[in-house]
Amino acid sequence: MTYSVVDLFCGAGGLSKGFMNAGYDVKIGIDWNDAALVTFAKNHGDAEAVKLDLFNLDNVVKIKEKLQQKNVNKLDVLIGGPPCQGFSLAGNRVESDERNTLYTAMVKTAELLKPKVILLENVPGMIRLYGGKVKEKIFEDFEALGYTMNVDVLYAPDFGIPQIRKRAFFIGLLNSEKPFEYPLPYLKESEYITCEQAICDLPSLEGDYDFNLTTIRDYICNPLNDYQKMMRKNSVRVFNHIPTNHTQKTIDHIKLVPDGGKYTDLPPELSKNFKYHESLHRYNSKKPSLTIDTGHRTHFHYKWNRIPTVRENARLQSFPDDFIFYGNKQEQYKQVGNAVPPLLGQALAKEIKKYLGNK
């Protein structure tokens, strides 16, 4: 049986990609960013990318109308990562400001559609924010709708993702006596996929001054390990692999940083100019990468004297090479950095199926 999914705040669709890989039918992805919606539409089969302003809670009903048009009368899974920075404390109560309307939109969507499962993704700090009051608020809101709630933090390398990344996943099961049981790690620390294992088959771009975003490059070798085989399964060429035009001064600084090092490895007369702890941080070839961000120029390739390309970051996020990103370069970096790693979404989707199969 195929289960239906709606993805709120979908971005490029990393979470949706994971659910698709697990055999789900993603019906709709909703966002407000045009470039991200193009990327979503191009990479998720028949799923519809919908631009919808969820700051206007009246628009929630349009999601139901879209599903009815697709003959979906009962949604199986609602997923999303609404920003929750609008929560604030007033005395012992959690109050929401207007920035938190997007979180409210997810609650309202769950109330209207009554999906069998809801999945809300956010930063791990959300669990402890204001002494746990925000977590309590989220639990209360969804429990009032009939969901049995649970939350846990998953560590990406445990699930085959070559990146140090932690994400919190709130999962609610409708009319369930027991809370959701989270997947156990797939890998031991000694088995983690490293940066080198993840991206060493991609062109170095040394001496390559073609900065055209539409340029498609060739692989430099056959896949060298299982992870590379998985990433390249449906791709014969390399997309989104465009170098950055660094100044010579920046290149000269990067050259002084060893594999796995950072600005503190520079000579004192240079290191004193850097205050941010992540500055000039070169990835460690023998470990998973640092957390992929939205394109800040602070992390560098473990070997080459440049920041990673969009494709390299996508690989480190577990996006396969046939998943192509659209928009300008900054938008592409942002789409990759904001995404849930597809392999992490896939691990959760497989466990959720066990619950859906019993409904």
Protein backbone atom coordinates (compact mmCIF):
# COMPACT_ATOMS: atom_id res chain seq x y z
CA MET A 1 0.00 0.00 0.00
CA THR A 2 1.18 3.51 -0.83
CA TYR A 3 0.76 6.23 1.79
CA SER A 4 0.07 9.90 1.01
CA VAL A 5 2.23 12.79 2.27
CA VAL A 6 1.94 16.58 2.43
CA ASP A 7 5.12 18.55 3.13
CA LEU A 8 4.69 22.00 4.71
CA PHE A 9 7.65 24.42 4.47
CA CYS A 10 9.14 21.90 2.04
CA GLY A 11 12.07 23.94 0.73
CA ALA A 12 13.98 21.84 -1.80
CA GLY A 13 12.33 18.73 -0.37
CA GLY A 14 14.97 16.70 1.47
CA LEU A 15 12.41 15.24 3.87
CA SER A 16 10.01 14.49 1.01
CA LYS A 17 12.80 12.82 -0.95
CA GLY A 18 13.42 10.52 2.00
CA PHE A 19 9.74 9.58 2.18
CA MET A 20 9.63 8.98 -1.57
CA ASN A 21 12.67 6.71 -1.30
CA ALA A 22 10.75 4.75 1.35
CA GLY A 23 7.85 4.23 -1.07
CA TYR A 24 5.45 7.01 -0.03
CA ASP A 25 3.39 9.11 -2.44
CA VAL A 26 4.21 12.77 -1.82
CA LYS A 27 1.19 14.71 -3.05
CA ILE A 28 2.03 18.34 -2.28
CA GLY A 29 5.01 20.42 -1.21
CA ILE A 30 4.20 23.89 0.15
CA ASP A 31 6.60 26.79 0.48
CA TRP A 32 6.88 30.51 -0.23
CA ASN A 33 10.31 30.55 -1.93
CA ASP A 34 10.10 30.44 -5.72
CA ALA A 35 13.51 28.87 -6.38
CA ALA A 36 12.96 26.17 -3.76
CA LEU A 37 9.56 25.34 -5.27
CA VAL A 38 11.13 24.91 -8.72
CA THR A 39 13.69 22.54 -7.20
CA PHE A 40 10.93 20.64 -5.40
CA ALA A 41 8.80 20.33 -8.54
CA LYS A 42 11.69 19.08 -10.67
CA ASN A 43 12.77 16.38 -8.22
CA HIS A 44 9.61 14.83 -6.79
CA GLY A 45 7.82 13.14 -9.65
CA ASP A 46 4.12 13.93 -9.75
CA ALA A 47 4.11 15.89 -6.48
CA GLU A 48 2.73 19.40 -6.87
CA ALA A 49 4.77 22.36 -5.67
CA VAL A 50 2.39 24.96 -4.24
CA LYS A 51 3.23 28.54 -3.32
CA LEU A 52 1.11 29.38 -0.32
CA ASP A 53 1.38 32.10 2.30
CA LEU A 54 0.88 30.26 5.57
CA PHE A 55 1.20 33.48 7.56
CA ASN A 56 -2.43 33.76 6.44
CA LEU A 57 -4.08 30.90 8.33
CA ASP A 58 -7.13 31.11 6.06
CA ASN A 59 -4.94 29.51 3.37
CA VAL A 60 -4.80 26.23 5.30
CA VAL A 61 -8.17 25.23 3.81
CA LYS A 62 -6.60 25.47 0.34
CA ILE A 63 -4.42 22.48 1.21
CA LYS A 64 -7.54 20.39 1.78
CA GLU A 65 -8.99 21.61 -1.51
CA LYS A 66 -5.82 20.61 -3.34
CA LEU A 67 -5.95 17.12 -1.84
CA GLN A 68 -9.62 16.72 -2.78
CA GLN A 69 -8.70 17.61 -6.36
CA LYS A 70 -6.23 14.72 -6.21
CA ASN A 71 -8.90 12.38 -4.79
CA VAL A 72 -7.13 12.18 -1.43
CA ASN A 73 -9.87 12.12 1.18
CA LYS A 74 -7.71 10.91 4.06
CA LEU A 75 -4.11 12.06 4.40
CA ASP A 76 -1.66 9.59 5.89
CA VAL A 77 1.30 11.77 6.88
CA LEU A 78 1.84 15.49 7.40
CA ILE A 79 5.51 16.52 7.59
CA GLY A 80 7.18 19.89 8.01
CA GLY A 81 9.78 22.01 9.70
CA PRO A 82 8.09 25.26 10.76
CA PRO A 83 10.30 27.92 12.31
CA CYS A 84 9.56 28.15 16.03
CA GLN A 85 11.75 31.08 17.05
CA GLY A 86 8.64 33.13 17.78
CA PHE A 87 7.95 31.33 21.05
CA SER A 88 8.43 33.52 24.10
CA LEU A 89 7.74 33.14 27.78
CA ALA A 90 5.35 35.25 29.79
CA GLY A 91 5.56 34.15 33.41
CA ASN A 92 5.17 30.38 33.30
CA ARG A 93 3.24 30.38 30.04
CA VAL A 94 4.55 30.01 26.50
CA GLU A 95 3.22 32.69 24.21
CA SER A 96 3.58 33.01 20.47
CA ASP A 97 4.35 36.14 18.49
CA GLU A 98 3.55 36.65 14.82
CA ARG A 99 6.70 34.83 13.70
CA ASN A 100 5.19 31.69 15.14
CA THR A 101 2.15 31.82 12.90
CA LEU A 102 3.87 29.23 10.69
CA TYR A 103 3.95 26.75 13.56
CA THR A 104 0.28 27.46 14.18
CA ALA A 105 -0.37 26.77 10.50
CA MET A 106 0.96 23.24 10.97
CA VAL A 107 -1.31 22.69 13.98
CA LYS A 108 -4.30 24.04 12.04
CA THR A 109 -3.46 21.83 9.05
CA ALA A 110 -3.33 18.78 11.31
CA GLU A 111 -6.64 19.80 12.86
CA LEU A 112 -8.29 20.15 9.45
CA LEU A 113 -6.83 17.08 7.71
CA LYS A 114 -6.43 14.73 10.69
CA PRO A 115 -3.51 12.82 9.13
CA LYS A 116 -2.63 9.50 10.76
CA VAL A 117 0.90 10.77 11.51
CA ILE A 118 2.44 14.21 11.98
CA LEU A 119 6.18 14.85 11.87
CA LEU A 120 7.58 18.20 12.96
CA GLU A 121 11.32 18.75 12.48
CA ASN A 122 13.43 21.40 14.20
CA VAL A 123 16.74 22.15 15.89
CA PRO A 124 17.58 20.06 19.00
CA GLY A 125 17.59 23.17 21.18
CA MET A 126 13.84 23.40 20.69
CA ILE A 127 13.38 20.56 23.19
CA ARG A 128 15.09 22.47 26.02
CA LEU A 129 14.02 25.99 25.09
CA TYR A 130 12.62 27.91 28.07
CA GLY A 131 13.17 24.95 30.34
CA GLY A 132 11.17 22.63 28.13
CA LYS A 133 8.10 24.88 27.93
CA VAL A 134 8.15 24.96 24.12
CA LYS A 135 8.27 21.16 23.95
CA GLU A 136 5.32 21.04 26.37
CA LYS A 137 3.39 23.51 24.20
CA ILE A 138 3.95 21.44 21.06
CA PHE A 139 2.88 18.26 22.86
CA GLU A 140 -0.23 19.95 24.28
CA ASP A 141 -1.31 21.39 20.93
CA PHE A 142 -1.16 18.06 19.11
CA GLU A 143 -2.37 15.91 22.00
CA ALA A 144 -5.49 18.08 22.05
CA LEU A 145 -6.10 16.87 18.48
CA GLY A 146 -5.78 13.21 19.45
CA TYR A 147 -2.10 12.57 18.78
CA THR A 148 0.19 10.57 21.03
CA MET A 149 3.42 12.58 20.94
CA ASN A 150 7.08 11.74 21.23
CA VAL A 151 10.33 13.55 20.42
CA ASP A 152 13.91 12.50 19.92
CA VAL A 153 17.13 13.84 18.44
CA LEU A 154 18.71 11.87 15.62
CA TYR A 155 22.41 12.13 14.72
CA ALA A 156 22.95 12.05 10.96
CA PRO A 157 26.18 9.94 10.84
CA ASP A 158 24.35 7.14 12.66
CA PHE A 159 22.16 6.74 9.56
CA GLY A 160 24.83 6.79 6.87
CA ILE A 161 25.00 10.55 6.29
CA PRO A 162 28.57 11.93 6.06
CA GLN A 163 27.84 15.03 8.11
CA ILE A 164 27.79 15.99 11.78
CA ARG A 165 24.18 17.10 12.08
CA LYS A 166 21.58 16.69 14.82
CA ARG A 167 17.86 17.30 14.31
CA ALA A 168 14.87 16.97 16.62
CA PHE A 169 11.81 15.14 15.33
CA PHE A 170 8.45 15.51 17.05
CA ILE A 171 6.21 12.67 15.87
CA GLY A 172 2.54 12.25 16.68
CA LEU A 173 0.45 9.13 16.07
CA LEU A 174 -3.31 9.61 15.82
CA ASN A 175 -5.37 7.57 18.26
CA SER A 176 -2.41 5.44 19.29
CA GLU A 177 -1.95 3.82 22.69
CA LYS A 178 1.82 3.89 22.34
CA PRO A 179 4.19 6.68 21.22
CA PHE A 180 6.35 6.39 18.11
CA GLU A 181 9.51 4.33 18.48
CA TYR A 182 12.48 5.94 16.75
CA PRO A 183 14.86 4.02 14.48
CA LEU A 184 18.05 2.71 16.04
CA PRO A 185 21.40 3.76 14.54
CA TYR A 186 22.45 1.92 11.41
CA LEU A 187 26.17 2.48 11.86
CA LYS A 188 28.75 2.45 14.64
CA GLU A 189 31.12 5.41 14.94
CA SER A 190 33.93 3.38 13.34
CA GLU A 191 31.66 2.87 10.31
CA TYR A 192 30.69 6.53 9.73
CA ILE A 193 30.97 7.75 6.13
CA THR A 194 33.78 10.30 5.85
CA CYS A 195 34.08 13.43 3.73
CA GLU A 196 36.65 11.77 1.53
CA GLN A 197 34.49 8.71 0.99
CA ALA A 198 31.53 10.93 0.14
CA ILE A 199 32.99 13.34 -2.42
CA CYS A 200 36.47 12.27 -3.59
CA ASP A 201 35.13 11.10 -6.97
CA LEU A 202 33.93 14.60 -7.91
CA PRO A 203 36.11 16.85 -10.11
CA SER A 204 38.64 18.89 -8.12
CA LEU A 205 37.93 22.09 -10.11
CA GLU A 206 41.61 23.02 -9.76
CA GLY A 207 42.36 25.53 -12.51
CA ASP A 208 38.69 25.51 -13.55
CA TYR A 209 37.42 29.05 -14.01
CA ASP A 210 34.05 28.23 -15.55
CA PHE A 211 31.59 29.85 -13.15
CA ASN A 212 28.52 29.36 -15.36
CA LEU A 213 25.72 27.85 -13.28
CA THR A 214 24.49 25.77 -16.23
CA THR A 215 27.83 23.99 -16.78
CA ILE A 216 27.62 20.22 -16.42
CA ARG A 217 30.82 18.33 -15.63
CA ASP A 218 32.02 14.76 -16.04
CA TYR A 219 32.96 12.36 -13.27
CA ILE A 220 36.71 11.83 -12.93
CA CYS A 221 36.50 8.13 -12.08
CA ASN A 222 34.16 5.26 -11.38
CA PRO A 223 32.48 5.14 -7.95
CA LEU A 224 35.01 4.10 -5.32
CA ASN A 225 32.67 2.88 -2.57
CA ASP A 226 29.05 2.01 -1.82
CA TYR A 227 28.12 5.56 -0.82
CA GLN A 228 29.33 6.97 -4.14
CA LYS A 229 27.51 4.20 -6.00
CA MET A 230 24.30 5.14 -4.21
CA MET A 231 24.75 8.85 -4.96
CA ARG A 232 25.51 8.21 -8.65
CA LYS A 233 22.94 5.46 -9.26
CA ASN A 234 20.77 7.50 -11.65
CA SER A 235 23.28 10.10 -12.82
CA VAL A 236 25.86 10.06 -15.61
CA ARG A 237 27.20 13.63 -15.22
CA VAL A 238 27.73 16.16 -12.43
CA PHE A 239 25.30 19.07 -11.92
CA ASN A 240 25.56 22.04 -9.50
CA HIS A 241 29.35 21.58 -9.28
CA ILE A 242 30.49 25.16 -9.84
CA PRO A 243 33.67 26.63 -8.31
CA THR A 244 33.76 29.82 -6.25
CA ASN A 245 35.93 32.70 -7.40
CA HIS A 246 37.96 33.32 -4.25
CA THR A 247 40.41 36.19 -3.91
CA GLN A 248 44.07 35.23 -3.91
CA LYS A 249 44.31 36.43 -0.30
CA THR A 250 41.61 33.97 0.76
CA ILE A 251 43.29 31.14 -1.15
CA ASP A 252 46.63 31.93 0.48
CA HIS A 253 45.01 31.73 3.92
CA ILE A 254 43.24 28.45 3.18
CA LYS A 255 46.51 26.91 2.00
CA LEU A 256 47.94 27.35 5.48
CA VAL A 257 45.14 25.35 7.13
CA PRO A 258 45.75 21.57 7.30
CA ASP A 259 43.22 18.80 6.76
CA GLY A 260 40.74 19.10 9.66
CA GLY A 261 42.27 22.36 10.91
CA LYS A 262 40.99 25.91 11.27
CA TYR A 263 42.12 29.51 11.71
CA THR A 264 43.98 28.71 14.93
CA ASP A 265 46.48 26.81 12.77
CA LEU A 266 47.47 30.03 11.01
CA PRO A 267 50.53 32.01 12.06
CA PRO A 268 49.68 34.28 15.04
CA GLU A 269 49.88 37.44 12.95
CA LEU A 270 47.06 36.06 10.78
CA SER A 271 44.96 34.05 13.27
CA LYS A 272 44.43 37.14 15.44
CA ASN A 273 42.28 38.57 12.65
CA PHE A 274 39.70 35.78 13.00
CA LYS A 275 37.32 35.69 15.96
CA TYR A 276 34.51 33.37 14.84
CA HIS A 277 35.26 29.83 16.07
CA GLU A 278 34.26 28.27 12.73
CA SER A 279 36.43 30.60 10.65
CA LEU A 280 38.63 29.00 7.98
CA HIS A 281 37.56 25.54 9.10
CA ARG A 282 38.77 22.86 6.71
CA TYR A 283 36.82 19.60 6.68
CA ASN A 284 38.54 16.51 8.04
CA SER A 285 38.92 13.97 5.24
CA LYS A 286 38.68 11.05 7.68
CA LYS A 287 35.52 12.20 9.47
CA PRO A 288 31.98 13.28 8.53
CA SER A 289 31.78 16.93 7.54
CA LEU A 290 30.79 19.77 9.81
CA THR A 291 27.11 20.73 9.70
CA ILE A 292 26.27 22.01 6.23
CA ASP A 293 25.13 25.61 6.48
CA THR A 294 23.35 27.87 4.00
CA GLY A 295 26.45 29.02 2.14
CA HIS A 296 28.62 31.01 4.53
CA ARG A 297 32.24 31.05 3.42
CA THR A 298 33.72 29.58 6.58
CA HIS A 299 34.06 25.86 5.76
CA PHE A 300 36.50 24.57 3.17
CA HIS A 301 37.18 21.40 1.22
CA TYR A 302 39.42 18.94 3.05
CA LYS A 303 41.93 18.99 0.16
CA TRP A 304 41.24 21.78 -2.31
CA ASN A 305 41.62 25.46 -1.44
CA ARG A 306 38.00 26.53 -1.86
CA ILE A 307 34.60 26.21 -0.26
CA PRO A 308 32.65 23.07 -1.19
CA THR A 309 30.38 23.35 -4.21
CA VAL A 310 26.61 23.01 -4.04
CA ARG A 311 26.98 19.43 -5.29
CA GLU A 312 29.57 18.55 -2.67
CA ASN A 313 27.34 19.95 0.06
CA ALA A 314 24.40 18.05 -1.41
CA ARG A 315 26.42 14.82 -1.32
CA LEU A 316 27.28 15.48 2.33
CA GLN A 317 23.55 15.95 2.96
CA SER A 318 22.84 12.61 1.16
CA PHE A 319 21.07 14.15 -1.85
CA PRO A 320 21.72 11.89 -4.87
CA ASP A 321 23.50 13.39 -7.88
CA ASP A 322 20.35 13.32 -10.04
CA PHE A 323 18.68 15.70 -7.58
CA ILE A 324 19.31 19.05 -9.31
CA PHE A 325 19.03 22.41 -7.54
CA TYR A 326 17.64 25.53 -9.22
CA GLY A 327 17.90 29.27 -8.64
CA ASN A 328 21.00 31.40 -8.30
CA LYS A 329 24.04 30.05 -6.52
CA GLN A 330 23.15 31.57 -3.15
CA GLU A 331 19.64 30.13 -3.38
CA GLN A 332 21.03 26.69 -4.19
CA TYR A 333 23.37 26.75 -1.18
CA LYS A 334 20.47 27.84 1.02
CA GLN A 335 18.22 25.05 -0.26
CA VAL A 336 20.86 22.43 0.52
CA GLY A 337 21.75 23.85 3.94
CA ASN A 338 18.15 24.17 5.11
CA ALA A 339 17.17 20.64 4.10
CA VAL A 340 16.69 17.53 6.17
CA PRO A 341 19.11 14.89 4.81
CA PRO A 342 17.04 12.52 2.63
CA LEU A 343 18.58 9.42 4.23
CA LEU A 344 17.46 10.67 7.64
CA GLY A 345 13.94 11.23 6.35
CA GLN A 346 14.01 7.77 4.80
CA ALA A 347 14.98 6.13 8.10
CA LEU A 348 12.03 7.78 9.86
CA ALA A 349 9.64 7.02 6.99
CA LYS A 350 10.44 3.31 7.20
CA GLU A 351 9.62 3.24 10.91
CA ILE A 352 6.41 5.23 10.40
CA LYS A 353 5.26 2.59 7.90
CA LYS A 354 5.16 0.05 10.72
CA TYR A 355 2.51 2.17 12.46
CA LEU A 356 0.54 2.90 9.29
CA GLY A 357 0.46 -0.79 8.43
CA ASN A 358 -1.43 -1.46 11.65
CA LYS A 359 -4.09 1.20 11.08
